[in-house]
């Protein structure tokens, strides 16, 4: 029976970060993405190395650790040196 042992979710969504902030999407195998903006109840992210944007629930995102930021940026620079991205 719904609601018997459940409390309503009264938690407010977190404030969106500054565009360009690197976040980790824990619902997608800890994929690192650059915050682009808000799309309804979701936040839009795009891969650091370029590619298609995706949407994620804010509660499934966390700030990227310095090591994760470095790994994502290094991957982008490597892709750029191979001519895969601008």
PDB file of N, CA and C in Angstrom:
ATOM      1  N   UNK A   1       0.830  -1.179   0.000  1.00  0.00           N
ATOM      2  CA  UNK A   1       0.000   0.000   0.000  1.00  0.00           C
ATOM      3  C   UNK A   1       0.872   1.238   0.000  1.00  0.00           C
ATOM      4  N   UNK A   2       0.621   2.066  -0.952  1.00  0.00           N
ATOM      5  CA  UNK A   2       1.433   3.256  -1.115  1.00  0.00           C
ATOM      6  C   UNK A   2       1.241   4.219   0.041  1.00  0.00           C
ATOM      7  N   UNK A   3       2.349   4.727   0.534  1.00  0.00           N
ATOM      8  CA  UNK A   3       2.298   5.780   1.546  1.00  0.00           C
ATOM      9  C   UNK A   3       2.260   5.294   2.973  1.00  0.00           C
ATOM     10  N   UNK A   4       2.043   4.014   3.170  1.00  0.00           N
ATOM     11  CA  UNK A   4       1.939   3.525   4.538  1.00  0.00           C
ATOM     12  C   UNK A   4       3.257   3.678   5.283  1.00  0.00           C
ATOM     13  N   UNK A   5       4.325   3.256   4.677  1.00  0.00           N
ATOM     14  CA  UNK A   5       5.632   3.332   5.309  1.00  0.00           C
ATOM     15  C   UNK A   5       6.560   4.286   4.567  1.00  0.00           C
ATOM     16  N   UNK A   6       5.979   5.142   3.773  1.00  0.00           N
ATOM     17  CA  UNK A   6       6.779   6.042   2.950  1.00  0.00           C
ATOM     18  C   UNK A   6       6.536   7.481   3.387  1.00  0.00           C
ATOM     19  N   UNK A   7       7.601   8.264   3.347  1.00  0.00           N
ATOM     20  CA  UNK A   7       7.468   9.693   3.579  1.00  0.00           C
ATOM     21  C   UNK A   7       7.530  10.393   2.234  1.00  0.00           C
ATOM     22  N   UNK A   8       6.792  11.457   2.072  1.00  0.00           N
ATOM     23  CA  UNK A   8       6.882  12.170   0.792  1.00  0.00           C
ATOM     24  C   UNK A   8       8.261  12.785   0.620  1.00  0.00           C
ATOM     25  N   UNK A   9       8.680  12.886  -0.616  1.00  0.00           N
ATOM     26  CA  UNK A   9       9.979  13.478  -0.921  1.00  0.00           C
ATOM     27  C   UNK A   9       9.818  14.997  -0.909  1.00  0.00           C
ATOM     28  N   UNK A  10      10.202  15.611   0.189  1.00  0.00           N
ATOM     29  CA  UNK A  10      10.078  17.054   0.318  1.00  0.00           C
ATOM     30  C   UNK A  10      11.410  17.751   0.095  1.00  0.00           C
ATOM     31  N   UNK A  11      12.414  16.981  -0.273  1.00  0.00           N
ATOM     32  CA  UNK A  11      13.737  17.550  -0.498  1.00  0.00           C
ATOM     33  C   UNK A  11      13.726  18.398  -1.769  1.00  0.00           C
ATOM     34  N   UNK A  12      14.204  19.622  -1.641  1.00  0.00           N
ATOM     35  CA  UNK A  12      14.291  20.525  -2.785  1.00  0.00           C
ATOM     36  C   UNK A  12      15.442  20.091  -3.683  1.00  0.00           C
ATOM     37  N   UNK A  13      15.275  20.256  -4.994  1.00  0.00           N
ATOM     38  CA  UNK A  13      16.403  19.933  -5.879  1.00  0.00           C
ATOM     39  C   UNK A  13      17.561  20.881  -5.604  1.00  0.00           C
ATOM     40  N   UNK A  14      18.782  20.416  -5.808  1.00  0.00           N
ATOM     41  CA  UNK A  14      19.941  21.276  -5.569  1.00  0.00           C
ATOM     42  C   UNK A  14      19.995  22.431  -6.564  1.00  0.00           C
ATOM     43  N   UNK A  15      20.694  23.469  -6.178  1.00  0.00           N
ATOM     44  CA  UNK A  15      20.900  24.606  -7.076  1.00  0.00           C
ATOM     45  C   UNK A  15      21.784  24.170  -8.241  1.00  0.00           C
ATOM     46  N   UNK A  16      21.440  24.557  -9.459  1.00  0.00           N
ATOM     47  CA  UNK A  16      22.284  24.194 -10.590  1.00  0.00           C
ATOM     48  C   UNK A  16      23.658  24.861 -10.486  1.00  0.00           C
ATOM     49  N   UNK A  17      24.699  24.150 -10.899  1.00  0.00           N
ATOM     50  CA  UNK A  17      26.045  24.736 -10.881  1.00  0.00           C
ATOM     51  C   UNK A  17      26.229  25.717 -12.037  1.00  0.00           C
ATOM     52  N   UNK A  18      27.360  26.352 -12.058  1.00  0.00           N
ATOM     53  CA  UNK A  18      27.727  27.251 -13.150  1.00  0.00           C
ATOM     54  C   UNK A  18      27.940  26.425 -14.423  1.00  0.00           C
ATOM     55  N   UNK A  19      27.444  26.908 -15.575  1.00  0.00           N
ATOM     56  CA  UNK A  19      27.707  26.175 -16.817  1.00  0.00           C
ATOM     57  C   UNK A  19      29.204  25.947 -17.012  1.00  0.00           C
ATOM     58  N   UNK A  20      29.534  24.735 -17.439  1.00  0.00           N
ATOM     59  CA  UNK A  20      30.929  24.362 -17.623  1.00  0.00           C
ATOM     60  C   UNK A  20      31.481  23.533 -16.478  1.00  0.00           C
ATOM     61  N   UNK A  21      30.759  23.498 -15.354  1.00  0.00           N
ATOM     62  CA  UNK A  21      31.194  22.697 -14.204  1.00  0.00           C
ATOM     63  C   UNK A  21      31.179  21.221 -14.580  1.00  0.00           C
ATOM     64  N   UNK A  22      32.216  20.501 -14.200  1.00  0.00           N
ATOM     65  CA  UNK A  22      32.277  19.070 -14.486  1.00  0.00           C
ATOM     66  C   UNK A  22      31.574  18.295 -13.376  1.00  0.00           C
ATOM     67  N   UNK A  23      30.664  17.411 -13.806  1.00  0.00           N
ATOM     68  CA  UNK A  23      29.884  16.592 -12.886  1.00  0.00           C
ATOM     69  C   UNK A  23      30.010  15.134 -13.279  1.00  0.00           C
ATOM     70  N   UNK A  24      29.782  14.261 -12.314  1.00  0.00           N
ATOM     71  CA  UNK A  24      29.805  12.818 -12.550  1.00  0.00           C
ATOM     72  C   UNK A  24      28.377  12.306 -12.468  1.00  0.00           C
ATOM     73  N   UNK A  25      27.945  11.612 -13.500  1.00  0.00           N
ATOM     74  CA  UNK A  25      26.617  11.016 -13.550  1.00  0.00           C
ATOM     75  C   UNK A  25      26.719   9.603 -12.998  1.00  0.00           C
ATOM     76  N   UNK A  26      26.274   9.415 -11.772  1.00  0.00           N
ATOM     77  CA  UNK A  26      26.391   8.109 -11.123  1.00  0.00           C
ATOM     78  C   UNK A  26      25.426   7.083 -11.700  1.00  0.00           C
ATOM     79  N   UNK A  27      24.439   7.526 -12.473  1.00  0.00           N
ATOM     80  CA  UNK A  27      23.505   6.587 -13.092  1.00  0.00           C
ATOM     81  C   UNK A  27      24.033   6.067 -14.430  1.00  0.00           C
ATOM     82  N   UNK A  28      25.164   6.599 -14.886  1.00  0.00           N
ATOM     83  CA  UNK A  28      25.762   6.184 -16.168  1.00  0.00           C
ATOM     84  C   UNK A  28      27.215   5.768 -15.973  1.00  0.00           C
ATOM     85  N   UNK A  29      27.437   4.869 -15.070  1.00  0.00           N
ATOM     86  CA  UNK A  29      28.783   4.332 -14.823  1.00  0.00           C
ATOM     87  C   UNK A  29      29.808   5.425 -14.562  1.00  0.00           C
ATOM     88  N   UNK A  30      29.411   6.427 -13.765  1.00  0.00           N
ATOM     89  CA  UNK A  30      30.299   7.523 -13.368  1.00  0.00           C
ATOM     90  C   UNK A  30      30.864   8.290 -14.566  1.00  0.00           C
ATOM     91  N   UNK A  31      30.034   8.511 -15.537  1.00  0.00           N
ATOM     92  CA  UNK A  31      30.420   9.282 -16.725  1.00  0.00           C
ATOM     93  C   UNK A  31      30.571  10.762 -16.348  1.00  0.00           C
ATOM     94  N   UNK A  32      31.651  11.376 -16.797  1.00  0.00           N
ATOM     95  CA  UNK A  32      31.915  12.783 -16.505  1.00  0.00           C
ATOM     96  C   UNK A  32      31.352  13.631 -17.636  1.00  0.00           C
ATOM     97  N   UNK A  33      30.631  14.683 -17.249  1.00  0.00           N
ATOM     98  CA  UNK A  33      30.062  15.583 -18.235  1.00  0.00           C
ATOM     99  C   UNK A  33      30.146  17.027 -17.778  1.00  0.00           C
ATOM    100  N   UNK A  34      30.048  17.906 -18.739  1.00  0.00           N
ATOM    101  CA  UNK A  34      30.086  19.345 -18.483  1.00  0.00           C
ATOM    102  C   UNK A  34      28.648  19.846 -18.366  1.00  0.00           C
ATOM    103  N   UNK A  35      28.343  20.519 -17.265  1.00  0.00           N
ATOM    104  CA  UNK A  35      26.993  21.035 -17.067  1.00  0.00           C
ATOM    105  C   UNK A  35      26.688  22.099 -18.118  1.00  0.00           C
ATOM    106  N   UNK A  36      25.532  21.948 -18.784  1.00  0.00           N
ATOM    107  CA  UNK A  36      25.127  22.884 -19.840  1.00  0.00           C
ATOM    108  C   UNK A  36      23.924  23.729 -19.441  1.00  0.00           C
ATOM    109  N   UNK A  37      23.006  23.164 -18.659  1.00  0.00           N
ATOM    110  CA  UNK A  37      21.814  23.916 -18.278  1.00  0.00           C
ATOM    111  C   UNK A  37      20.737  23.007 -17.726  1.00  0.00           C
ATOM    112  N   UNK A  38      19.596  23.618 -17.445  1.00  0.00           N
ATOM    113  CA  UNK A  38      18.459  22.901 -16.865  1.00  0.00           C
ATOM    114  C   UNK A  38      17.429  22.656 -17.957  1.00  0.00           C
ATOM    115  N   UNK A  39      16.905  21.444 -17.996  1.00  0.00           N
ATOM    116  CA  UNK A  39      15.869  21.068 -18.956  1.00  0.00           C
ATOM    117  C   UNK A  39      14.724  20.431 -18.173  1.00  0.00           C
ATOM    118  N   UNK A  40      13.800  21.253 -17.725  1.00  0.00           N
ATOM    119  CA  UNK A  40      12.702  20.751 -16.896  1.00  0.00           C
ATOM    120  C   UNK A  40      13.257  20.252 -15.575  1.00  0.00           C
ATOM    121  N   UNK A  41      12.923  19.020 -15.190  1.00  0.00           N
ATOM    122  CA  UNK A  41      13.439  18.493 -13.925  1.00  0.00           C
ATOM    123  C   UNK A  41      14.851  17.910 -14.045  1.00  0.00           C
ATOM    124  N   UNK A  42      15.411  17.930 -15.244  1.00  0.00           N
ATOM    125  CA  UNK A  42      16.717  17.332 -15.493  1.00  0.00           C
ATOM    126  C   UNK A  42      17.783  18.387 -15.741  1.00  0.00           C
ATOM    127  N   UNK A  43      19.024  17.966 -15.611  1.00  0.00           N
ATOM    128  CA  UNK A  43      20.162  18.816 -15.956  1.00  0.00           C
ATOM    129  C   UNK A  43      20.799  18.244 -17.208  1.00  0.00           C
ATOM    130  N   UNK A  44      21.170  19.136 -18.121  1.00  0.00           N
ATOM    131  CA  UNK A  44      21.814  18.722 -19.371  1.00  0.00           C
ATOM    132  C   UNK A  44      23.326  18.715 -19.195  1.00  0.00           C
ATOM    133  N   UNK A  45      23.927  17.644 -19.661  1.00  0.00           N
ATOM    134  CA  UNK A  45      25.378  17.477 -19.615  1.00  0.00           C
ATOM    135  C   UNK A  45      25.862  17.128 -21.008  1.00  0.00           C
ATOM    136  N   UNK A  46      27.125  17.413 -21.254  1.00  0.00           N
ATOM    137  CA  UNK A  46      27.721  16.993 -22.519  1.00  0.00           C
ATOM    138  C   UNK A  46      29.092  16.422 -22.215  1.00  0.00           C
ATOM    139  N   UNK A  47      29.512  15.428 -22.983  1.00  0.00           N
ATOM    140  CA  UNK A  47      30.833  14.853 -22.757  1.00  0.00           C
ATOM    141  C   UNK A  47      31.919  15.913 -22.895  1.00  0.00           C
ATOM    142  N   UNK A  48      32.955  15.802 -22.093  1.00  0.00           N
ATOM    143  CA  UNK A  48      34.047  16.769 -22.121  1.00  0.00           C
ATOM    144  C   UNK A  48      34.734  16.751 -23.477  1.00  0.00           C
ATOM    145  N   UNK A  49      34.845  15.612 -24.099  1.00  0.00           N
ATOM    146  CA  UNK A  49      35.500  15.500 -25.396  1.00  0.00           C
ATOM    147  C   UNK A  49      34.583  15.794 -26.568  1.00  0.00           C
ATOM    148  N   UNK A  50      33.377  16.278 -26.298  1.00  0.00           N
ATOM    149  CA  UNK A  50      32.408  16.533 -27.354  1.00  0.00           C
ATOM    150  C   UNK A  50      31.484  15.351 -27.524  1.00  0.00           C
ATOM    151  N   UNK A  51      30.420  15.569 -28.222  1.00  0.00           N
ATOM    152  CA  UNK A  51      29.454  14.504 -28.443  1.00  0.00           C
ATOM    153  C   UNK A  51      28.064  14.937 -28.050  1.00  0.00           C
ATOM    154  N   UNK A  52      27.165  13.983 -28.084  1.00  0.00           N
ATOM    155  CA  UNK A  52      25.758  14.259 -27.811  1.00  0.00           C
ATOM    156  C   UNK A  52      25.513  14.543 -26.324  1.00  0.00           C
ATOM    157  N   UNK A  53      24.705  15.557 -26.071  1.00  0.00           N
ATOM    158  CA  UNK A  53      24.312  15.880 -24.701  1.00  0.00           C
ATOM    159  C   UNK A  53      23.379  14.798 -24.177  1.00  0.00           C
ATOM    160  N   UNK A  54      23.306  14.701 -22.872  1.00  0.00           N
ATOM    161  CA  UNK A  54      22.340  13.813 -22.242  1.00  0.00           C
ATOM    162  C   UNK A  54      21.761  14.529 -21.033  1.00  0.00           C
ATOM    163  N   UNK A  55      20.640  14.016 -20.557  1.00  0.00           N
ATOM    164  CA  UNK A  55      19.978  14.595 -19.398  1.00  0.00           C
ATOM    165  C   UNK A  55      20.066  13.615 -18.239  1.00  0.00           C
ATOM    166  N   UNK A  56      20.193  14.191 -17.045  1.00  0.00           N
ATOM    167  CA  UNK A  56      20.314  13.369 -15.845  1.00  0.00           C
ATOM    168  C   UNK A  56      19.523  13.999 -14.711  1.00  0.00           C
ATOM    169  N   UNK A  57      19.100  13.147 -13.794  1.00  0.00           N
ATOM    170  CA  UNK A  57      18.435  13.643 -12.593  1.00  0.00           C
ATOM    171  C   UNK A  57      19.488  14.294 -11.706  1.00  0.00           C
ATOM    172  N   UNK A  58      19.220  15.500 -11.211  1.00  0.00           N
ATOM    173  CA  UNK A  58      20.213  16.179 -10.362  1.00  0.00           C
ATOM    174  C   UNK A  58      20.667  15.344  -9.162  1.00  0.00           C
ATOM    175  N   UNK A  59      19.767  14.542  -8.603  1.00  0.00           N
ATOM    176  CA  UNK A  59      20.146  13.740  -7.429  1.00  0.00           C
ATOM    177  C   UNK A  59      21.129  12.628  -7.774  1.00  0.00           C
ATOM    178  N   UNK A  60      21.288  12.328  -9.061  1.00  0.00           N
ATOM    179  CA  UNK A  60      22.230  11.301  -9.511  1.00  0.00           C
ATOM    180  C   UNK A  60      23.583  11.883  -9.906  1.00  0.00           C
ATOM    181  N   UNK A  61      23.761  13.185  -9.728  1.00  0.00           N
ATOM    182  CA  UNK A  61      25.002  13.853 -10.112  1.00  0.00           C
ATOM    183  C   UNK A  61      25.781  14.291  -8.886  1.00  0.00           C
ATOM    184  N   UNK A  62      27.091  14.332  -9.060  1.00  0.00           N
ATOM    185  CA  UNK A  62      27.961  14.857  -8.001  1.00  0.00           C
ATOM    186  C   UNK A  62      29.110  15.592  -8.661  1.00  0.00           C
ATOM    187  N   UNK A  63      29.724  16.526  -7.942  1.00  0.00           N
ATOM    188  CA  UNK A  63      30.882  17.227  -8.511  1.00  0.00           C
ATOM    189  C   UNK A  63      32.011  16.238  -8.812  1.00  0.00           C
ATOM    190  N   UNK A  64      32.687  16.464  -9.908  1.00  0.00           N
ATOM    191  CA  UNK A  64      33.811  15.597 -10.286  1.00  0.00           C
ATOM    192  C   UNK A  64      35.003  15.876  -9.380  1.00  0.00           C
ATOM    193  N   UNK A  65      35.656  14.806  -8.954  1.00  0.00           N
ATOM    194  CA  UNK A  65      36.885  14.934  -8.178  1.00  0.00           C
ATOM    195  C   UNK A  65      37.976  15.497  -9.077  1.00  0.00           C
ATOM    196  N   UNK A  66      39.007  16.040  -8.491  1.00  0.00           N
ATOM    197  CA  UNK A  66      40.109  16.609  -9.273  1.00  0.00           C
ATOM    198  C   UNK A  66      40.694  15.554 -10.210  1.00  0.00           C
ATOM    199  N   UNK A  67      40.852  14.338  -9.733  1.00  0.00           N
ATOM    200  CA  UNK A  67      41.409  13.274 -10.583  1.00  0.00           C
ATOM    201  C   UNK A  67      40.481  12.963 -11.754  1.00  0.00           C
ATOM    202  N   UNK A  68      39.170  13.010 -11.533  1.00  0.00           N
ATOM    203  CA  UNK A  68      38.206  12.765 -12.606  1.00  0.00           C
ATOM    204  C   UNK A  68      38.206  13.916 -13.617  1.00  0.00           C
ATOM    205  N   UNK A  69      38.349  15.132 -13.126  1.00  0.00           N
ATOM    206  CA  UNK A  69      38.439  16.297 -14.015  1.00  0.00           C
ATOM    207  C   UNK A  69      39.675  16.186 -14.899  1.00  0.00           C
ATOM    208  N   UNK A  70      40.795  15.838 -14.284  1.00  0.00           N
ATOM    209  CA  UNK A  70      42.052  15.705 -15.024  1.00  0.00           C
ATOM    210  C   UNK A  70      41.947  14.615 -16.089  1.00  0.00           C
ATOM    211  N   UNK A  71      41.363  13.475 -15.723  1.00  0.00           N
ATOM    212  CA  UNK A  71      41.206  12.369 -16.675  1.00  0.00           C
ATOM    213  C   UNK A  71      40.323  12.786 -17.854  1.00  0.00           C
ATOM    214  N   UNK A  72      39.219  13.478 -17.578  1.00  0.00           N
ATOM    215  CA  UNK A  72      38.307  13.910 -18.642  1.00  0.00           C
ATOM    216  C   UNK A  72      38.974  14.926 -19.565  1.00  0.00           C
ATOM    217  N   UNK A  73      39.684  15.873 -18.980  1.00  0.00           N
ATOM    218  CA  UNK A  73      40.343  16.892 -19.798  1.00  0.00           C
ATOM    219  C   UNK A  73      41.492  16.305 -20.617  1.00  0.00           C
ATOM    220  N   UNK A  74      42.209  15.345 -20.043  1.00  0.00           N
ATOM    221  CA  UNK A  74      43.286  14.684 -20.775  1.00  0.00           C
ATOM    222  C   UNK A  74      42.715  13.898 -21.947  1.00  0.00           C
ATOM    223  N   UNK A  75      41.591  13.218 -21.734  1.00  0.00           N
ATOM    224  CA  UNK A  75      40.951  12.470 -22.821  1.00  0.00           C
ATOM    225  C   UNK A  75      40.534  13.410 -23.944  1.00  0.00           C
ATOM    226  N   UNK A  76      40.037  14.604 -23.588  1.00  0.00           N
ATOM    227  CA  UNK A  76      39.638  15.584 -24.600  1.00  0.00           C
ATOM    228  C   UNK A  76      40.857  16.071 -25.389  1.00  0.00           C
ATOM    229  N   UNK A  77      41.933  16.372 -24.688  1.00  0.00           N
ATOM    230  CA  UNK A  77      43.144  16.831 -25.373  1.00  0.00           C
ATOM    231  C   UNK A  77      43.710  15.755 -26.288  1.00  0.00           C
ATOM    232  N   UNK A  78      43.654  14.508 -25.847  1.00  0.00           N
ATOM    233  CA  UNK A  78      44.126  13.411 -26.692  1.00  0.00           C
ATOM    234  C   UNK A  78      43.261  13.281 -27.939  1.00  0.00           C
ATOM    235  N   UNK A  79      41.941  13.381 -27.778  1.00  0.00           N
ATOM    236  CA  UNK A  79      41.035  13.307 -28.924  1.00  0.00           C
ATOM    237  C   UNK A  79      41.292  14.475 -29.879  1.00  0.00           C
ATOM    238  N   UNK A  80      41.557  15.632 -29.310  1.00  0.00           N
ATOM    239  CA  UNK A  80      41.838  16.814 -30.140  1.00  0.00           C
ATOM    240  C   UNK A  80      43.139  16.618 -30.931  1.00  0.00           C
ATOM    241  N   UNK A  81      44.155  16.037 -30.303  1.00  0.00           N
ATOM    242  CA  UNK A  81      45.434  15.823 -31.001  1.00  0.00           C
ATOM    243  C   UNK A  81      45.290  14.810 -32.126  1.00  0.00           C
ATOM    244  N   UNK A  82      44.303  13.909 -31.998  1.00  0.00           N
ATOM    245  CA  UNK A  82      44.043  12.943 -33.074  1.00  0.00           C
ATOM    246  C   UNK A  82      43.102  13.506 -34.136  1.00  0.00           C
ATOM    247  N   UNK A  83      42.622  14.745 -33.936  1.00  0.00           N
ATOM    248  CA  UNK A  83      41.735  15.377 -34.902  1.00  0.00           C
ATOM    249  C   UNK A  83      40.289  14.945 -34.782  1.00  0.00           C
ATOM    250  N   UNK A  84      39.923  14.317 -33.676  1.00  0.00           N
ATOM    251  CA  UNK A  84      38.549  13.829 -33.504  1.00  0.00           C
ATOM    252  C   UNK A  84      37.596  14.930 -33.048  1.00  0.00           C
ATOM    253  N   UNK A  85      38.124  15.954 -32.364  1.00  0.00           N
ATOM    254  CA  UNK A  85      37.312  17.085 -31.905  1.00  0.00           C
ATOM    255  C   UNK A  85      38.100  18.360 -32.165  1.00  0.00           C
ATOM    256  N   UNK A  86      37.384  19.469 -32.162  1.00  0.00           N
ATOM    257  CA  UNK A  86      38.052  20.762 -32.361  1.00  0.00           C
ATOM    258  C   UNK A  86      38.516  21.333 -31.055  1.00  0.00           C
TER     259      UNK A  86
END
